[in-house]
Amino acid sequence: MLVIWGRINSHNVKKVMWGAIECGLAYERREMGGSFGYTPEYLAKNPNRLVPMIEDGEVAVWESNAILRYLAAAHAPALWPADPAARAMGDQWMDWQFLYADAQRDAFLGCVRGGKDGSDPVVAKSAETCAALMAMLDDRLARTPFLTGTAFGIADIPMGTYAHTWFSLPIERPSLPHVEAWMDRLRQRPGFQTIAAVPFT
């Protein structure tokens, strides 16, 4: 059985849980990171002192988006296009998600961990930066229903996880009709419903 190491309220752990469900894989999640700390055995396989990491038989993989690519390639190739151009189109949005995550950090920490809202200057600045990035995502989704193209794929999981947080924070958001329609499509997926049910704190 697939083992997912990581605390459940980590965005990156949620991404991997969602990916495992989309790949039709049963998994066991084991606590690691945050208040749970890191064991020497874990660090021997993942020296980054970060979560998540997976163990799939004898294979250990860390870095959440690398894990998603591995899971699709090994267990659900339809979720990661074989055509190099189509694959690159999805991959670029998976990597872009880390830029977005940096922009959202202050809004997330301020609202979820600090009890603030969009009236806080630091939160407001973070939200403004996020809005500009989300406008880029909206433009992309005006042309295809998913970041992978015409069908759902692993490229939708990273930003789908962070967009769920974006729509949950007490901040002002511009109208982003294509992102909102995309989120409506993602909300129908069992994997999304699993991670959406996890409290942020």
Protein backbone atom coordinates (compact mmCIF):
# COMPACT_ATOMS: atom_id res chain seq x y z
CA MET A 1 0.00 0.00 0.00
CA LEU A 2 1.13 3.54 -0.74
CA VAL A 3 2.36 5.38 2.35
CA ILE A 4 2.06 9.17 2.50
CA TRP A 5 4.16 10.82 5.17
CA GLY A 6 3.03 14.24 6.36
CA ARG A 7 0.72 16.27 8.55
CA ILE A 8 -2.75 16.50 7.08
CA ASN A 9 -3.06 20.30 7.19
CA SER A 10 -0.11 20.84 4.85
CA HIS A 11 -1.11 22.08 1.39
CA ASN A 12 1.57 19.88 -0.14
CA VAL A 13 0.37 16.78 1.69
CA LYS A 14 -3.19 17.51 0.59
CA LYS A 15 -2.01 17.65 -3.02
CA VAL A 16 -0.54 14.17 -2.76
CA MET A 17 -3.61 12.75 -1.01
CA TRP A 18 -5.80 14.14 -3.79
CA GLY A 19 -3.44 12.73 -6.41
CA ALA A 20 -3.49 9.28 -4.85
CA ILE A 21 -7.29 9.25 -4.94
CA GLU A 22 -7.32 10.36 -8.59
CA CYS A 23 -4.92 7.50 -9.37
CA GLY A 24 -7.26 5.03 -7.67
CA LEU A 25 -4.73 4.18 -4.97
CA ALA A 26 -5.45 3.16 -1.42
CA TYR A 27 -2.99 4.82 0.94
CA GLU A 28 -1.98 5.07 4.55
CA ARG A 29 -1.03 8.48 5.84
CA ARG A 30 1.52 8.70 8.65
CA GLU A 31 2.09 11.84 10.70
CA MET A 32 5.32 13.71 10.11
CA GLY A 33 6.44 17.32 10.15
CA GLY A 34 5.20 20.33 12.07
CA SER A 35 4.44 19.47 15.69
CA PHE A 36 5.19 15.81 14.95
CA GLY A 37 8.81 16.53 14.12
CA TYR A 38 11.02 14.30 11.96
CA THR A 39 12.48 10.93 12.76
CA PRO A 40 16.03 9.97 11.77
CA GLU A 41 14.55 7.23 9.56
CA TYR A 42 12.45 9.77 7.69
CA LEU A 43 15.34 12.19 7.23
CA ALA A 44 17.53 9.42 5.89
CA LYS A 45 15.10 9.14 2.97
CA ASN A 46 14.10 12.82 2.75
CA PRO A 47 16.88 15.16 3.95
CA ASN A 48 14.85 18.31 3.21
CA ARG A 49 13.09 18.28 6.60
CA LEU A 50 9.84 18.86 4.72
CA VAL A 51 6.68 16.94 3.95
CA PRO A 52 5.35 15.09 2.09
CA MET A 53 7.23 11.98 1.12
CA ILE A 54 5.73 8.81 -0.26
CA GLU A 55 6.84 5.22 -0.15
CA ASP A 56 5.48 3.05 -2.93
CA GLY A 57 7.00 -0.33 -2.29
CA GLU A 58 10.75 0.20 -2.50
CA VAL A 59 10.38 3.63 -4.11
CA ALA A 60 10.62 6.75 -1.95
CA VAL A 61 9.84 10.14 -3.51
CA TRP A 62 9.73 13.62 -1.98
CA GLU A 63 8.68 17.04 -3.35
CA SER A 64 4.92 17.14 -3.82
CA ASN A 65 4.75 17.87 -7.54
CA ALA A 66 7.42 15.27 -8.28
CA ILE A 67 5.26 12.83 -6.32
CA LEU A 68 2.21 13.71 -8.43
CA ARG A 69 4.18 13.10 -11.62
CA TYR A 70 5.47 9.80 -10.30
CA LEU A 71 2.01 8.61 -9.22
CA ALA A 72 0.50 9.43 -12.60
CA ALA A 73 3.36 7.87 -14.56
CA ALA A 74 3.36 4.71 -12.43
CA HIS A 75 -0.35 4.24 -11.79
CA ALA A 76 -2.57 6.51 -13.94
CA PRO A 77 -0.82 7.65 -17.13
CA ALA A 78 -4.01 9.18 -18.51
CA LEU A 79 -3.64 11.95 -15.90
CA TRP A 80 -0.32 13.13 -17.39
CA PRO A 81 -0.39 13.57 -21.18
CA ALA A 82 2.09 11.51 -23.19
CA ASP A 83 2.48 14.24 -25.81
CA PRO A 84 5.51 16.34 -24.77
CA ALA A 85 3.88 19.66 -25.70
CA ALA A 86 0.66 18.91 -23.83
CA ARG A 87 2.64 17.63 -20.86
CA ALA A 88 4.75 20.80 -20.78
CA MET A 89 1.64 22.98 -20.80
CA GLY A 90 0.45 21.26 -17.64
CA ASP A 91 3.89 21.08 -16.06
CA GLN A 92 4.41 24.82 -16.33
CA TRP A 93 1.31 25.48 -14.23
CA MET A 94 2.42 22.89 -11.67
CA ASP A 95 5.73 24.73 -11.27
CA TRP A 96 4.03 28.16 -11.36
CA GLN A 97 2.02 27.09 -8.33
CA PHE A 98 5.09 27.58 -6.13
CA LEU A 99 5.24 31.25 -7.16
CA TYR A 100 1.58 31.55 -6.24
CA ALA A 101 2.12 29.78 -2.90
CA ASP A 102 4.76 32.35 -1.94
CA ALA A 103 2.33 35.16 -2.77
CA GLN A 104 -0.48 33.63 -0.71
CA ARG A 105 1.62 32.84 2.36
CA ASP A 106 1.07 36.11 4.24
CA ALA A 107 -2.67 36.09 3.59
CA PHE A 108 -2.94 32.48 4.70
CA LEU A 109 -0.86 32.90 7.85
CA GLY A 110 -2.52 36.19 8.75
CA CYS A 111 -6.07 34.93 8.33
CA VAL A 112 -5.83 31.27 9.36
CA ARG A 113 -3.12 31.42 12.00
CA GLY A 114 -3.40 35.06 13.06
CA GLY A 115 -7.17 35.62 13.05
CA LYS A 116 -6.88 38.63 10.72
CA ASP A 117 -8.78 39.53 7.57
CA GLY A 118 -8.37 41.59 4.44
CA SER A 119 -8.29 44.85 6.42
CA ASP A 120 -4.83 43.98 7.72
CA PRO A 121 -2.19 45.70 5.53
CA VAL A 122 0.05 42.64 5.23
CA VAL A 123 -2.89 40.40 4.39
CA ALA A 124 -4.22 42.98 1.91
CA LYS A 125 -0.88 43.23 0.11
CA SER A 126 -0.65 39.45 -0.17
CA ALA A 127 -4.24 39.25 -1.42
CA GLU A 128 -3.55 41.92 -4.05
CA THR A 129 -0.54 40.00 -5.36
CA CYS A 130 -2.59 36.80 -5.42
CA ALA A 131 -5.37 38.51 -7.35
CA ALA A 132 -2.94 39.55 -10.08
CA LEU A 133 -1.65 35.99 -10.37
CA MET A 134 -5.15 34.56 -10.32
CA ALA A 135 -6.00 36.83 -13.25
CA MET A 136 -3.27 35.03 -15.21
CA LEU A 137 -4.84 31.71 -14.28
CA ASP A 138 -8.26 33.01 -15.31
CA ASP A 139 -6.91 33.95 -18.72
CA ARG A 140 -5.51 30.45 -19.19
CA LEU A 141 -8.76 28.80 -18.12
CA ALA A 142 -10.70 30.95 -20.57
CA ARG A 143 -9.17 28.77 -23.30
CA THR A 144 -9.36 25.25 -21.85
CA PRO A 145 -11.52 23.77 -19.08
CA PHE A 146 -8.53 22.30 -17.22
CA LEU A 147 -4.85 23.19 -16.88
CA THR A 148 -4.03 19.89 -18.54
CA GLY A 149 -6.24 20.81 -21.50
CA THR A 150 -9.63 19.33 -22.25
CA ALA A 151 -9.55 16.75 -19.46
CA PHE A 152 -8.65 16.81 -15.78
CA GLY A 153 -5.05 15.88 -15.01
CA ILE A 154 -2.42 16.16 -12.33
CA ALA A 155 -1.64 19.73 -13.39
CA ASP A 156 -4.98 20.80 -11.89
CA ILE A 157 -4.19 19.46 -8.44
CA PRO A 158 -1.52 21.91 -7.16
CA MET A 159 -3.34 25.13 -8.04
CA GLY A 160 -6.69 23.54 -7.25
CA THR A 161 -5.47 22.97 -3.69
CA TYR A 162 -4.25 26.55 -3.31
CA ALA A 163 -7.28 28.05 -5.04
CA HIS A 164 -9.49 26.26 -2.51
CA THR A 165 -7.65 28.21 0.19
CA TRP A 166 -7.90 31.45 -1.81
CA PHE A 167 -11.68 31.17 -1.98
CA SER A 168 -11.88 30.34 1.73
CA LEU A 169 -9.96 33.32 3.12
CA PRO A 170 -11.79 36.43 4.43
CA ILE A 171 -10.36 38.75 1.77
CA GLU A 172 -11.64 40.71 -1.20
CA ARG A 173 -11.40 38.88 -4.51
CA PRO A 174 -11.97 40.14 -8.04
CA SER A 175 -14.45 38.43 -10.34
CA LEU A 176 -12.64 35.53 -11.99
CA PRO A 177 -15.36 33.68 -13.90
CA HIS A 178 -13.13 31.07 -15.52
CA VAL A 179 -11.32 30.22 -12.29
CA GLU A 180 -14.68 30.00 -10.54
CA ALA A 181 -16.07 27.66 -13.22
CA TRP A 182 -12.92 25.53 -13.00
CA MET A 183 -13.31 25.32 -9.23
CA ASP A 184 -16.91 24.21 -9.67
CA ARG A 185 -15.63 21.36 -11.85
CA LEU A 186 -12.94 20.44 -9.34
CA ARG A 187 -15.42 20.42 -6.45
CA GLN A 188 -17.22 17.50 -8.11
CA ARG A 189 -14.15 15.27 -7.79
CA PRO A 190 -13.91 12.93 -4.77
CA GLY A 191 -10.23 13.74 -4.33
CA PHE A 192 -10.99 17.44 -4.02
CA GLN A 193 -13.81 16.75 -1.58
CA THR A 194 -11.39 14.83 0.62
CA ILE A 195 -8.86 17.64 0.88
CA ALA A 196 -11.54 20.35 1.11
CA ALA A 197 -12.90 18.68 4.24
CA VAL A 198 -9.56 19.06 6.04
CA PRO A 199 -9.43 22.05 8.44
CA PHE A 200 -6.77 24.63 7.61
CA THR A 201 -5.38 24.85 11.15
